[in-house]
Amino acid sequence: MALYITDECINCDVCEPECPNDAIYQGEIIYQIDWKLCTECVGHFETSQCVEVCPVDCIPIDPSHIESQDDLLLKYRMLIKKR
């Protein structure tokens, strides 16, 4: 599953640099997560780094993009091949 940022985001700027896949970017109003790049940090870390640093807990799992751990690992492998 990918993550997403809710409208509770305060634009504190701490999540974006923590994302190893560059999936987080500044949207028009709040930060956004590109679900095609989000692996929930699978392949990089044990936990989702953006969730760990978010001071307002506004980064839940995106129910619109359900992926298993195996799917996330496959996505991670495909992303690192492109680099």
N, C-alpha and C. Protein backbone atom coordinates (compact mmCIF):
# COMPACT_ATOMS: atom_id res chain seq x y z
N MET A 1 0.84 -1.17 0.00
CA MET A 1 0.00 0.00 0.00
C MET A 1 0.88 1.23 0.00
N ALA A 2 0.47 2.20 -0.70
CA ALA A 2 1.16 3.47 -0.67
C ALA A 2 0.60 4.29 0.49
N LEU A 3 1.29 5.35 0.79
CA LEU A 3 0.84 6.27 1.82
C LEU A 3 0.29 7.52 1.15
N TYR A 4 -0.43 8.33 1.90
CA TYR A 4 -0.85 9.63 1.39
C TYR A 4 -0.85 10.63 2.53
N ILE A 5 -0.87 11.90 2.19
CA ILE A 5 -0.84 12.96 3.19
C ILE A 5 -2.21 13.62 3.24
N THR A 6 -2.76 13.69 4.44
CA THR A 6 -4.10 14.27 4.61
C THR A 6 -4.02 15.80 4.69
N ASP A 7 -5.18 16.44 4.67
CA ASP A 7 -5.23 17.89 4.74
C ASP A 7 -4.88 18.44 6.13
N GLU A 8 -4.52 17.55 7.05
CA GLU A 8 -4.03 17.99 8.35
C GLU A 8 -2.56 18.39 8.29
N CYS A 9 -1.93 18.21 7.13
CA CYS A 9 -0.52 18.56 6.92
C CYS A 9 -0.31 20.05 7.24
N ILE A 10 0.77 20.34 7.97
CA ILE A 10 1.10 21.72 8.33
C ILE A 10 2.28 22.26 7.52
N ASN A 11 2.68 21.54 6.47
CA ASN A 11 3.79 21.97 5.61
C ASN A 11 5.07 22.25 6.40
N CYS A 12 5.39 21.37 7.30
CA CYS A 12 6.57 21.57 8.16
C CYS A 12 7.87 21.22 7.45
N ASP A 13 7.79 20.60 6.29
CA ASP A 13 8.97 20.28 5.46
C ASP A 13 9.85 19.15 5.97
N VAL A 14 9.43 18.38 6.96
CA VAL A 14 10.31 17.33 7.47
C VAL A 14 10.18 16.01 6.71
N CYS A 15 9.05 15.76 6.08
CA CYS A 15 8.85 14.47 5.42
C CYS A 15 9.60 14.35 4.08
N GLU A 16 9.57 15.39 3.30
CA GLU A 16 10.13 15.33 1.95
C GLU A 16 11.57 14.82 1.89
N PRO A 17 12.49 15.38 2.69
CA PRO A 17 13.88 14.89 2.60
C PRO A 17 14.08 13.48 3.15
N GLU A 18 13.12 12.96 3.89
CA GLU A 18 13.25 11.62 4.46
C GLU A 18 12.90 10.51 3.48
N CYS A 19 12.21 10.85 2.39
CA CYS A 19 11.74 9.83 1.45
C CYS A 19 12.88 9.35 0.54
N PRO A 20 13.25 8.08 0.65
CA PRO A 20 14.36 7.56 -0.16
C PRO A 20 13.99 7.39 -1.65
N ASN A 21 12.71 7.43 -1.96
CA ASN A 21 12.26 7.26 -3.35
C ASN A 21 11.85 8.56 -4.01
N ASP A 22 12.01 9.67 -3.33
CA ASP A 22 11.59 10.98 -3.85
C ASP A 22 10.11 10.98 -4.24
N ALA A 23 9.31 10.29 -3.46
CA ALA A 23 7.88 10.20 -3.75
C ALA A 23 7.09 11.38 -3.18
N ILE A 24 7.69 12.13 -2.26
CA ILE A 24 7.01 13.25 -1.61
C ILE A 24 7.40 14.55 -2.29
N TYR A 25 6.42 15.37 -2.57
CA TYR A 25 6.67 16.66 -3.21
C TYR A 25 5.67 17.69 -2.71
N GLN A 26 6.03 18.96 -2.86
CA GLN A 26 5.15 20.04 -2.44
C GLN A 26 4.04 20.20 -3.46
N GLY A 27 2.81 20.02 -3.02
CA GLY A 27 1.65 20.23 -3.88
C GLY A 27 1.24 21.70 -3.84
N GLU A 28 0.08 22.00 -4.39
CA GLU A 28 -0.39 23.38 -4.40
C GLU A 28 -0.65 23.90 -3.00
N ILE A 29 -1.19 23.05 -2.14
CA ILE A 29 -1.55 23.49 -0.79
C ILE A 29 -0.73 22.76 0.27
N ILE A 30 -0.62 21.44 0.15
CA ILE A 30 0.12 20.63 1.11
C ILE A 30 1.04 19.68 0.37
N TYR A 31 1.88 19.00 1.11
CA TYR A 31 2.74 17.99 0.51
C TYR A 31 1.88 16.84 -0.02
N GLN A 32 2.37 16.18 -1.05
CA GLN A 32 1.69 15.06 -1.69
C GLN A 32 2.66 13.88 -1.77
N ILE A 33 2.10 12.68 -1.95
CA ILE A 33 2.92 11.48 -2.16
C ILE A 33 2.50 10.85 -3.48
N ASP A 34 3.48 10.63 -4.34
CA ASP A 34 3.23 9.94 -5.61
C ASP A 34 3.18 8.44 -5.31
N TRP A 35 2.00 7.86 -5.37
CA TRP A 35 1.83 6.45 -4.99
C TRP A 35 2.64 5.51 -5.88
N LYS A 36 2.96 5.95 -7.10
CA LYS A 36 3.75 5.11 -7.99
C LYS A 36 5.20 4.97 -7.52
N LEU A 37 5.64 5.90 -6.68
CA LEU A 37 7.01 5.87 -6.17
C LEU A 37 7.09 5.43 -4.71
N CYS A 38 5.97 5.44 -4.02
CA CYS A 38 5.96 5.11 -2.59
C CYS A 38 6.01 3.60 -2.37
N THR A 39 7.02 3.18 -1.61
CA THR A 39 7.14 1.77 -1.24
C THR A 39 7.01 1.59 0.27
N GLU A 40 6.54 2.65 0.96
CA GLU A 40 6.49 2.65 2.42
C GLU A 40 7.87 2.36 3.00
N CYS A 41 8.90 2.73 2.27
CA CYS A 41 10.31 2.56 2.62
C CYS A 41 10.75 1.10 2.60
N VAL A 42 9.91 0.19 2.09
CA VAL A 42 10.32 -1.21 1.92
C VAL A 42 11.55 -1.23 1.02
N GLY A 43 12.56 -1.97 1.43
CA GLY A 43 13.81 -2.05 0.70
C GLY A 43 14.85 -1.07 1.22
N HIS A 44 14.40 -0.07 1.95
CA HIS A 44 15.31 0.93 2.50
C HIS A 44 15.37 0.86 4.03
N PHE A 45 14.19 0.86 4.66
CA PHE A 45 14.10 0.93 6.12
C PHE A 45 13.03 -0.03 6.63
N GLU A 46 13.04 -0.26 7.91
CA GLU A 46 12.04 -1.12 8.55
C GLU A 46 10.69 -0.44 8.67
N THR A 47 10.70 0.89 8.78
CA THR A 47 9.46 1.66 8.94
C THR A 47 9.42 2.79 7.93
N SER A 48 8.25 3.31 7.69
CA SER A 48 8.07 4.45 6.78
C SER A 48 8.64 5.70 7.44
N GLN A 49 9.67 6.25 6.84
CA GLN A 49 10.38 7.36 7.45
C GLN A 49 9.53 8.63 7.55
N CYS A 50 8.70 8.89 6.58
CA CYS A 50 7.86 10.09 6.64
C CYS A 50 6.88 10.00 7.80
N VAL A 51 6.35 8.81 8.04
CA VAL A 51 5.44 8.61 9.17
C VAL A 51 6.17 8.83 10.48
N GLU A 52 7.40 8.36 10.55
CA GLU A 52 8.20 8.49 11.77
C GLU A 52 8.45 9.95 12.15
N VAL A 53 8.68 10.81 11.16
CA VAL A 53 9.05 12.20 11.46
C VAL A 53 7.87 13.17 11.47
N CYS A 54 6.71 12.76 10.99
CA CYS A 54 5.56 13.65 10.90
C CYS A 54 5.08 14.06 12.30
N PRO A 55 5.08 15.37 12.59
CA PRO A 55 4.68 15.81 13.93
C PRO A 55 3.16 15.82 14.15
N VAL A 56 2.37 15.70 13.09
CA VAL A 56 0.91 15.75 13.25
C VAL A 56 0.22 14.45 12.83
N ASP A 57 0.98 13.42 12.57
CA ASP A 57 0.42 12.11 12.21
C ASP A 57 -0.62 12.19 11.10
N CYS A 58 -0.23 12.79 9.98
CA CYS A 58 -1.18 12.97 8.87
C CYS A 58 -0.81 12.13 7.65
N ILE A 59 -0.09 11.02 7.86
CA ILE A 59 0.33 10.17 6.74
C ILE A 59 -0.14 8.73 6.96
N PRO A 60 -1.38 8.45 6.61
CA PRO A 60 -1.90 7.08 6.74
C PRO A 60 -1.68 6.26 5.47
N ILE A 61 -2.06 5.01 5.54
CA ILE A 61 -2.04 4.13 4.37
C ILE A 61 -3.16 4.55 3.43
N ASP A 62 -2.86 4.56 2.15
CA ASP A 62 -3.83 4.96 1.14
C ASP A 62 -4.69 3.76 0.74
N PRO A 63 -5.96 3.75 1.13
CA PRO A 63 -6.82 2.61 0.79
C PRO A 63 -7.11 2.49 -0.70
N SER A 64 -6.79 3.52 -1.46
CA SER A 64 -7.01 3.49 -2.91
C SER A 64 -5.91 2.73 -3.64
N HIS A 65 -4.79 2.48 -2.97
CA HIS A 65 -3.66 1.81 -3.60
C HIS A 65 -3.14 0.70 -2.70
N ILE A 66 -3.88 -0.40 -2.67
CA ILE A 66 -3.54 -1.54 -1.82
C ILE A 66 -2.43 -2.37 -2.49
N GLU A 67 -1.34 -2.58 -1.75
CA GLU A 67 -0.21 -3.38 -2.25
C GLU A 67 0.31 -4.24 -1.09
N SER A 68 0.69 -5.45 -1.40
CA SER A 68 1.26 -6.33 -0.39
C SER A 68 2.74 -5.96 -0.17
N GLN A 69 3.34 -6.53 0.86
CA GLN A 69 4.77 -6.32 1.08
C GLN A 69 5.58 -6.81 -0.11
N ASP A 70 5.16 -7.91 -0.72
CA ASP A 70 5.86 -8.41 -1.91
C ASP A 70 5.74 -7.43 -3.06
N ASP A 71 4.55 -6.85 -3.23
CA ASP A 71 4.35 -5.84 -4.29
C ASP A 71 5.25 -4.63 -4.06
N LEU A 72 5.34 -4.19 -2.80
CA LEU A 72 6.18 -3.04 -2.48
C LEU A 72 7.65 -3.34 -2.72
N LEU A 73 8.08 -4.55 -2.40
CA LEU A 73 9.47 -4.93 -2.64
C LEU A 73 9.76 -4.98 -4.14
N LEU A 74 8.83 -5.49 -4.91
CA LEU A 74 8.99 -5.52 -6.37
C LEU A 74 9.06 -4.09 -6.91
N LYS A 75 8.20 -3.20 -6.42
CA LYS A 75 8.23 -1.80 -6.85
C LYS A 75 9.58 -1.18 -6.51
N TYR A 76 10.08 -1.45 -5.30
CA TYR A 76 11.39 -0.96 -4.88
C TYR A 76 12.48 -1.42 -5.85
N ARG A 77 12.47 -2.70 -6.18
CA ARG A 77 13.49 -3.24 -7.09
C ARG A 77 13.41 -2.59 -8.47
N MET A 78 12.21 -2.34 -8.95
CA MET A 78 12.04 -1.68 -10.25
C MET A 78 12.53 -0.23 -10.20
N LEU A 79 12.27 0.44 -9.08
CA LEU A 79 12.72 1.83 -8.94
C LEU A 79 14.23 1.94 -8.89
N ILE A 80 14.90 1.03 -8.20
CA ILE A 80 16.37 1.15 -8.11
C ILE A 80 17.02 0.77 -9.44
N LYS A 81 16.36 -0.04 -10.25
CA LYS A 81 16.91 -0.35 -11.58
C LYS A 81 16.90 0.88 -12.48
N LYS A 82 15.93 1.76 -12.29
CA LYS A 82 15.80 2.96 -13.11
C LYS A 82 16.82 4.04 -12.77
N ARG A 83 17.45 3.90 -11.62
CA ARG A 83 18.43 4.94 -11.20
C ARG A 83 19.76 4.74 -11.80
